[in-house]
Amino acid sequence: MNTWRKIVVGVGLGAYLIGLGVLSGMVIERMRFDQQRSDVLARYEQALREWQGYRIALEKASEARR
């Protein structure tokens, strides 16, 4: 009976460690994905600001000619 208890505890501990490893991997991958997403959004926002600045400059030039 004592060996069955050791086997059950060993299997339970192994399953726990595997589950913990999987969850840790998911968290790390999510953090990496969020960092990449932040980089892409920062570049997009910069391009958007430049485009809006260009449009404002065109509108000001258009109004100055009137």
PDB file of N, CA and C in Angstrom:
ATOM      1  N   MET A   1       0.816  -1.195   0.000  1.00  0.00           N
ATOM      2  CA  MET A   1       0.000   0.000   0.000  1.00  0.00           C
ATOM      3  C   MET A   1       0.859   1.258   0.000  1.00  0.00           C
ATOM      4  N   ASN A   2       1.992   1.191   0.633  1.00  0.00           N
ATOM      5  CA  ASN A   2       2.875   2.325   0.742  1.00  0.00           C
ATOM      6  C   ASN A   2       3.452   2.706  -0.624  1.00  0.00           C
ATOM      7  N   THR A   3       3.716   1.707  -1.471  1.00  0.00           N
ATOM      8  CA  THR A   3       4.253   2.001  -2.797  1.00  0.00           C
ATOM      9  C   THR A   3       3.193   2.673  -3.677  1.00  0.00           C
ATOM     10  N   TRP A   4       1.911   2.277  -3.511  1.00  0.00           N
ATOM     11  CA  TRP A   4       0.846   2.926  -4.286  1.00  0.00           C
ATOM     12  C   TRP A   4       0.732   4.399  -3.912  1.00  0.00           C
ATOM     13  N   ARG A   5       0.889   4.671  -2.652  1.00  0.00           N
ATOM     14  CA  ARG A   5       0.814   6.059  -2.190  1.00  0.00           C
ATOM     15  C   ARG A   5       1.948   6.886  -2.800  1.00  0.00           C
ATOM     16  N   LYS A   6       3.136   6.311  -2.844  1.00  0.00           N
ATOM     17  CA  LYS A   6       4.282   7.000  -3.452  1.00  0.00           C
ATOM     18  C   LYS A   6       4.040   7.234  -4.941  1.00  0.00           C
ATOM     19  N   ILE A   7       3.474   6.243  -5.602  1.00  0.00           N
ATOM     20  CA  ILE A   7       3.186   6.379  -7.040  1.00  0.00           C
ATOM     21  C   ILE A   7       2.160   7.485  -7.271  1.00  0.00           C
ATOM     22  N   VAL A   8       1.097   7.504  -6.473  1.00  0.00           N
ATOM     23  CA  VAL A   8       0.051   8.516  -6.634  1.00  0.00           C
ATOM     24  C   VAL A   8       0.614   9.904  -6.360  1.00  0.00           C
ATOM     25  N   VAL A   9       1.400  10.036  -5.307  1.00  0.00           N
ATOM     26  CA  VAL A   9       2.012  11.331  -4.988  1.00  0.00           C
ATOM     27  C   VAL A   9       2.970  11.749  -6.112  1.00  0.00           C
ATOM     28  N   GLY A  10       3.730  10.804  -6.620  1.00  0.00           N
ATOM     29  CA  GLY A  10       4.669  11.106  -7.715  1.00  0.00           C
ATOM     30  C   GLY A  10       3.943  11.549  -8.977  1.00  0.00           C
ATOM     31  N   VAL A  11       2.870  10.855  -9.326  1.00  0.00           N
ATOM     32  CA  VAL A  11       2.087  11.217 -10.510  1.00  0.00           C
ATOM     33  C   VAL A  11       1.427  12.585 -10.307  1.00  0.00           C
ATOM     34  N   GLY A  12       0.881  12.802  -9.100  1.00  0.00           N
ATOM     35  CA  GLY A  12       0.256  14.093  -8.802  1.00  0.00           C
ATOM     36  C   GLY A  12       1.259  15.230  -8.870  1.00  0.00           C
ATOM     37  N   LEU A  13       2.441  15.026  -8.295  1.00  0.00           N
ATOM     38  CA  LEU A  13       3.485  16.046  -8.343  1.00  0.00           C
ATOM     39  C   LEU A  13       3.945  16.293  -9.778  1.00  0.00           C
ATOM     40  N   GLY A  14       4.090  15.227 -10.549  1.00  0.00           N
ATOM     41  CA  GLY A  14       4.482  15.382 -11.950  1.00  0.00           C
ATOM     42  C   GLY A  14       3.448  16.155 -12.744  1.00  0.00           C
ATOM     43  N   ALA A  15       2.172  15.838 -12.529  1.00  0.00           N
ATOM     44  CA  ALA A  15       1.107  16.560 -13.236  1.00  0.00           C
ATOM     45  C   ALA A  15       1.089  18.029 -12.828  1.00  0.00           C
ATOM     46  N   TYR A  16       1.308  18.289 -11.549  1.00  0.00           N
ATOM     47  CA  TYR A  16       1.358  19.671 -11.066  1.00  0.00           C
ATOM     48  C   TYR A  16       2.497  20.436 -11.733  1.00  0.00           C
ATOM     49  N   LEU A  17       3.667  19.834 -11.779  1.00  0.00           N
ATOM     50  CA  LEU A  17       4.822  20.512 -12.378  1.00  0.00           C
ATOM     51  C   LEU A  17       4.626  20.737 -13.880  1.00  0.00           C
ATOM     52  N   ILE A  18       4.045  19.781 -14.563  1.00  0.00           N
ATOM     53  CA  ILE A  18       3.764  19.953 -15.992  1.00  0.00           C
ATOM     54  C   ILE A  18       2.759  21.089 -16.201  1.00  0.00           C
ATOM     55  N   GLY A  19       1.705  21.092 -15.394  1.00  0.00           N
ATOM     56  CA  GLY A  19       0.719  22.165 -15.492  1.00  0.00           C
ATOM     57  C   GLY A  19       1.329  23.525 -15.201  1.00  0.00           C
ATOM     58  N   LEU A  20       2.179  23.593 -14.178  1.00  0.00           N
ATOM     59  CA  LEU A  20       2.849  24.852 -13.842  1.00  0.00           C
ATOM     60  C   LEU A  20       3.762  25.301 -14.982  1.00  0.00           C
ATOM     61  N   GLY A  21       4.447  24.354 -15.598  1.00  0.00           N
ATOM     62  CA  GLY A  21       5.320  24.687 -16.739  1.00  0.00           C
ATOM     63  C   GLY A  21       4.526  25.207 -17.924  1.00  0.00           C
ATOM     64  N   VAL A  22       3.398  24.580 -18.208  1.00  0.00           N
ATOM     65  CA  VAL A  22       2.558  25.018 -19.324  1.00  0.00           C
ATOM     66  C   VAL A  22       2.022  26.422 -19.073  1.00  0.00           C
ATOM     67  N   LEU A  23       1.519  26.660 -17.867  1.00  0.00           N
ATOM     68  CA  LEU A  23       0.990  27.985 -17.545  1.00  0.00           C
ATOM     69  C   LEU A  23       2.080  29.055 -17.574  1.00  0.00           C
ATOM     70  N   SER A  24       3.260  28.722 -17.079  1.00  0.00           N
ATOM     71  CA  SER A  24       4.374  29.669 -17.126  1.00  0.00           C
ATOM     72  C   SER A  24       4.743  29.996 -18.571  1.00  0.00           C
ATOM     73  N   GLY A  25       4.770  28.982 -19.403  1.00  0.00           N
ATOM     74  CA  GLY A  25       5.070  29.212 -20.821  1.00  0.00           C
ATOM     75  C   GLY A  25       4.028  30.097 -21.484  1.00  0.00           C
ATOM     76  N   MET A  26       2.766  29.899 -21.137  1.00  0.00           N
ATOM     77  CA  MET A  26       1.708  30.726 -21.708  1.00  0.00           C
ATOM     78  C   MET A  26       1.855  32.177 -21.274  1.00  0.00           C
ATOM     79  N   VAL A  27       2.194  32.404 -20.012  1.00  0.00           N
ATOM     80  CA  VAL A  27       2.361  33.765 -19.501  1.00  0.00           C
ATOM     81  C   VAL A  27       3.543  34.449 -20.185  1.00  0.00           C
ATOM     82  N   ILE A  28       4.640  33.741 -20.317  1.00  0.00           N
ATOM     83  CA  ILE A  28       5.824  34.324 -20.966  1.00  0.00           C
ATOM     84  C   ILE A  28       5.533  34.645 -22.423  1.00  0.00           C
ATOM     85  N   GLU A  29       4.874  33.748 -23.124  1.00  0.00           N
ATOM     86  CA  GLU A  29       4.540  33.989 -24.531  1.00  0.00           C
ATOM     87  C   GLU A  29       3.597  35.171 -24.664  1.00  0.00           C
ATOM     88  N   ARG A  30       2.650  35.307 -23.768  1.00  0.00           N
ATOM     89  CA  ARG A  30       1.708  36.432 -23.802  1.00  0.00           C
ATOM     90  C   ARG A  30       2.440  37.758 -23.572  1.00  0.00           C
ATOM     91  N   MET A  31       3.409  37.767 -22.665  1.00  0.00           N
ATOM     92  CA  MET A  31       4.180  38.989 -22.419  1.00  0.00           C
ATOM     93  C   MET A  31       4.995  39.359 -23.653  1.00  0.00           C
ATOM     94  N   ARG A  32       5.578  38.365 -24.326  1.00  0.00           N
ATOM     95  CA  ARG A  32       6.341  38.641 -25.552  1.00  0.00           C
ATOM     96  C   ARG A  32       5.418  39.178 -26.646  1.00  0.00           C
ATOM     97  N   PHE A  33       4.230  38.590 -26.786  1.00  0.00           N
ATOM     98  CA  PHE A  33       3.267  39.035 -27.785  1.00  0.00           C
ATOM     99  C   PHE A  33       2.843  40.473 -27.507  1.00  0.00           C
ATOM    100  N   ASP A  34       2.580  40.799 -26.230  1.00  0.00           N
ATOM    101  CA  ASP A  34       2.174  42.159 -25.880  1.00  0.00           C
ATOM    102  C   ASP A  34       3.279  43.162 -26.192  1.00  0.00           C
ATOM    103  N   GLN A  35       4.531  42.783 -25.993  1.00  0.00           N
ATOM    104  CA  GLN A  35       5.649  43.673 -26.302  1.00  0.00           C
ATOM    105  C   GLN A  35       5.717  43.925 -27.809  1.00  0.00           C
ATOM    106  N   GLN A  36       5.572  42.874 -28.601  1.00  0.00           N
ATOM    107  CA  GLN A  36       5.596  43.040 -30.055  1.00  0.00           C
ATOM    108  C   GLN A  36       4.419  43.887 -30.509  1.00  0.00           C
ATOM    109  N   ARG A  37       3.259  43.676 -29.925  1.00  0.00           N
ATOM    110  CA  ARG A  37       2.068  44.457 -30.268  1.00  0.00           C
ATOM    111  C   ARG A  37       2.271  45.923 -29.920  1.00  0.00           C
ATOM    112  N   SER A  38       2.879  46.199 -28.781  1.00  0.00           N
ATOM    113  CA  SER A  38       3.149  47.575 -28.373  1.00  0.00           C
ATOM    114  C   SER A  38       4.091  48.256 -29.360  1.00  0.00           C
ATOM    115  N   ASP A  39       5.098  47.528 -29.824  1.00  0.00           N
ATOM    116  CA  ASP A  39       6.031  48.098 -30.797  1.00  0.00           C
ATOM    117  C   ASP A  39       5.317  48.448 -32.098  1.00  0.00           C
ATOM    118  N   VAL A  40       4.469  47.563 -32.565  1.00  0.00           N
ATOM    119  CA  VAL A  40       3.733  47.805 -33.810  1.00  0.00           C
ATOM    120  C   VAL A  40       2.787  48.993 -33.646  1.00  0.00           C
ATOM    121  N   LEU A  41       2.076  49.053 -32.527  1.00  0.00           N
ATOM    122  CA  LEU A  41       1.149  50.161 -32.295  1.00  0.00           C
ATOM    123  C   LEU A  41       1.880  51.484 -32.169  1.00  0.00           C
ATOM    124  N   ALA A  42       3.060  51.486 -31.568  1.00  0.00           N
ATOM    125  CA  ALA A  42       3.838  52.723 -31.455  1.00  0.00           C
ATOM    126  C   ALA A  42       4.238  53.232 -32.841  1.00  0.00           C
ATOM    127  N   ARG A  43       4.671  52.325 -33.715  1.00  0.00           N
ATOM    128  CA  ARG A  43       5.030  52.744 -35.081  1.00  0.00           C
ATOM    129  C   ARG A  43       3.795  53.261 -35.825  1.00  0.00           C
ATOM    130  N   TYR A  44       2.661  52.595 -35.637  1.00  0.00           N
ATOM    131  CA  TYR A  44       1.421  53.022 -36.290  1.00  0.00           C
ATOM    132  C   TYR A  44       0.999  54.409 -35.799  1.00  0.00           C
ATOM    133  N   GLU A  45       1.064  54.636 -34.493  1.00  0.00           N
ATOM    134  CA  GLU A  45       0.673  55.932 -33.955  1.00  0.00           C
ATOM    135  C   GLU A  45       1.595  57.041 -34.450  1.00  0.00           C
ATOM    136  N   GLN A  46       2.893  56.757 -34.576  1.00  0.00           N
ATOM    137  CA  GLN A  46       3.831  57.750 -35.099  1.00  0.00           C
ATOM    138  C   GLN A  46       3.498  58.075 -36.554  1.00  0.00           C
ATOM    139  N   ALA A  47       3.227  57.072 -37.352  1.00  0.00           N
ATOM    140  CA  ALA A  47       2.864  57.311 -38.752  1.00  0.00           C
ATOM    141  C   ALA A  47       1.559  58.092 -38.844  1.00  0.00           C
ATOM    142  N   LEU A  48       0.619  57.788 -37.967  1.00  0.00           N
ATOM    143  CA  LEU A  48      -0.657  58.500 -37.956  1.00  0.00           C
ATOM    144  C   LEU A  48      -0.456  59.972 -37.588  1.00  0.00           C
ATOM    145  N   ARG A  49       0.382  60.245 -36.581  1.00  0.00           N
ATOM    146  CA  ARG A  49       0.677  61.636 -36.203  1.00  0.00           C
ATOM    147  C   ARG A  49       1.333  62.394 -37.352  1.00  0.00           C
ATOM    148  N   GLU A  50       2.264  61.744 -38.056  1.00  0.00           N
ATOM    149  CA  GLU A  50       2.915  62.387 -39.193  1.00  0.00           C
ATOM    150  C   GLU A  50       1.903  62.694 -40.291  1.00  0.00           C
ATOM    151  N   TRP A  51       0.997  61.756 -40.569  1.00  0.00           N
ATOM    152  CA  TRP A  51      -0.015  61.956 -41.602  1.00  0.00           C
ATOM    153  C   TRP A  51      -0.954  63.098 -41.220  1.00  0.00           C
ATOM    154  N   GLN A  52      -1.362  63.142 -39.970  1.00  0.00           N
ATOM    155  CA  GLN A  52      -2.242  64.218 -39.525  1.00  0.00           C
ATOM    156  C   GLN A  52      -1.529  65.567 -39.592  1.00  0.00           C
ATOM    157  N   GLY A  53      -0.257  65.598 -39.244  1.00  0.00           N
ATOM    158  CA  GLY A  53       0.525  66.831 -39.353  1.00  0.00           C
ATOM    159  C   GLY A  53       0.623  67.297 -40.798  1.00  0.00           C
ATOM    160  N   TYR A  54       0.805  66.361 -41.692  1.00  0.00           N
ATOM    161  CA  TYR A  54       0.879  66.694 -43.116  1.00  0.00           C
ATOM    162  C   TYR A  54      -0.452  67.272 -43.603  1.00  0.00           C
ATOM    163  N   ARG A  55      -1.559  66.657 -43.190  1.00  0.00           N
ATOM    164  CA  ARG A  55      -2.878  67.161 -43.599  1.00  0.00           C
ATOM    165  C   ARG A  55      -3.148  68.541 -43.028  1.00  0.00           C
ATOM    166  N   ILE A  56      -2.757  68.785 -41.793  1.00  0.00           N
ATOM    167  CA  ILE A  56      -2.947  70.107 -41.188  1.00  0.00           C
ATOM    168  C   ILE A  56      -2.127  71.140 -41.930  1.00  0.00           C
ATOM    169  N   ALA A  57      -0.899  70.787 -42.301  1.00  0.00           N
ATOM    170  CA  ALA A  57      -0.053  71.707 -43.055  1.00  0.00           C
ATOM    171  C   ALA A  57      -0.688  72.029 -44.417  1.00  0.00           C
ATOM    172  N   LEU A  58      -1.277  71.033 -45.070  1.00  0.00           N
ATOM    173  CA  LEU A  58      -1.946  71.281 -46.348  1.00  0.00           C
ATOM    174  C   LEU A  58      -3.146  72.204 -46.172  1.00  0.00           C
ATOM    175  N   GLU A  59      -3.916  71.985 -45.112  1.00  0.00           N
ATOM    176  CA  GLU A  59      -5.082  72.839 -44.868  1.00  0.00           C
ATOM    177  C   GLU A  59      -4.662  74.273 -44.575  1.00  0.00           C
ATOM    178  N   LYS A  60      -3.598  74.451 -43.812  1.00  0.00           N
ATOM    179  CA  LYS A  60      -3.116  75.802 -43.500  1.00  0.00           C
ATOM    180  C   LYS A  60      -2.610  76.495 -44.759  1.00  0.00           C
ATOM    181  N   ALA A  61      -1.905  75.745 -45.596  1.00  0.00           N
ATOM    182  CA  ALA A  61      -1.400  76.319 -46.847  1.00  0.00           C
ATOM    183  C   ALA A  61      -2.565  76.679 -47.759  1.00  0.00           C
ATOM    184  N   SER A  62      -3.592  75.862 -47.765  1.00  0.00           N
ATOM    185  CA  SER A  62      -4.768  76.128 -48.588  1.00  0.00           C
ATOM    186  C   SER A  62      -5.500  77.379 -48.124  1.00  0.00           C
ATOM    187  N   GLU A  63      -5.631  77.529 -46.808  1.00  0.00           N
ATOM    188  CA  GLU A  63      -6.301  78.707 -46.272  1.00  0.00           C
ATOM    189  C   GLU A  63      -5.461  79.963 -46.431  1.00  0.00           C
ATOM    190  N   ALA A  64      -4.157  79.838 -46.409  1.00  0.00           N
ATOM    191  CA  ALA A  64      -3.280  81.005 -46.570  1.00  0.00           C
ATOM    192  C   ALA A  64      -3.371  81.562 -47.984  1.00  0.00           C
ATOM    193  N   ARG A  65      -3.676  80.731 -48.957  1.00  0.00           N
ATOM    194  CA  ARG A  65      -3.772  81.190 -50.356  1.00  0.00           C
ATOM    195  C   ARG A  65      -5.086  81.929 -50.616  1.00  0.00           C
ATOM    196  N   ARG A  66      -6.064  81.756 -49.778  1.00  0.00           N
ATOM    197  CA  ARG A  66      -7.380  82.378 -50.027  1.00  0.00           C
ATOM    198  C   ARG A  66      -7.364  83.832 -49.775  1.00  0.00           C
TER     199      ARG A  66
END
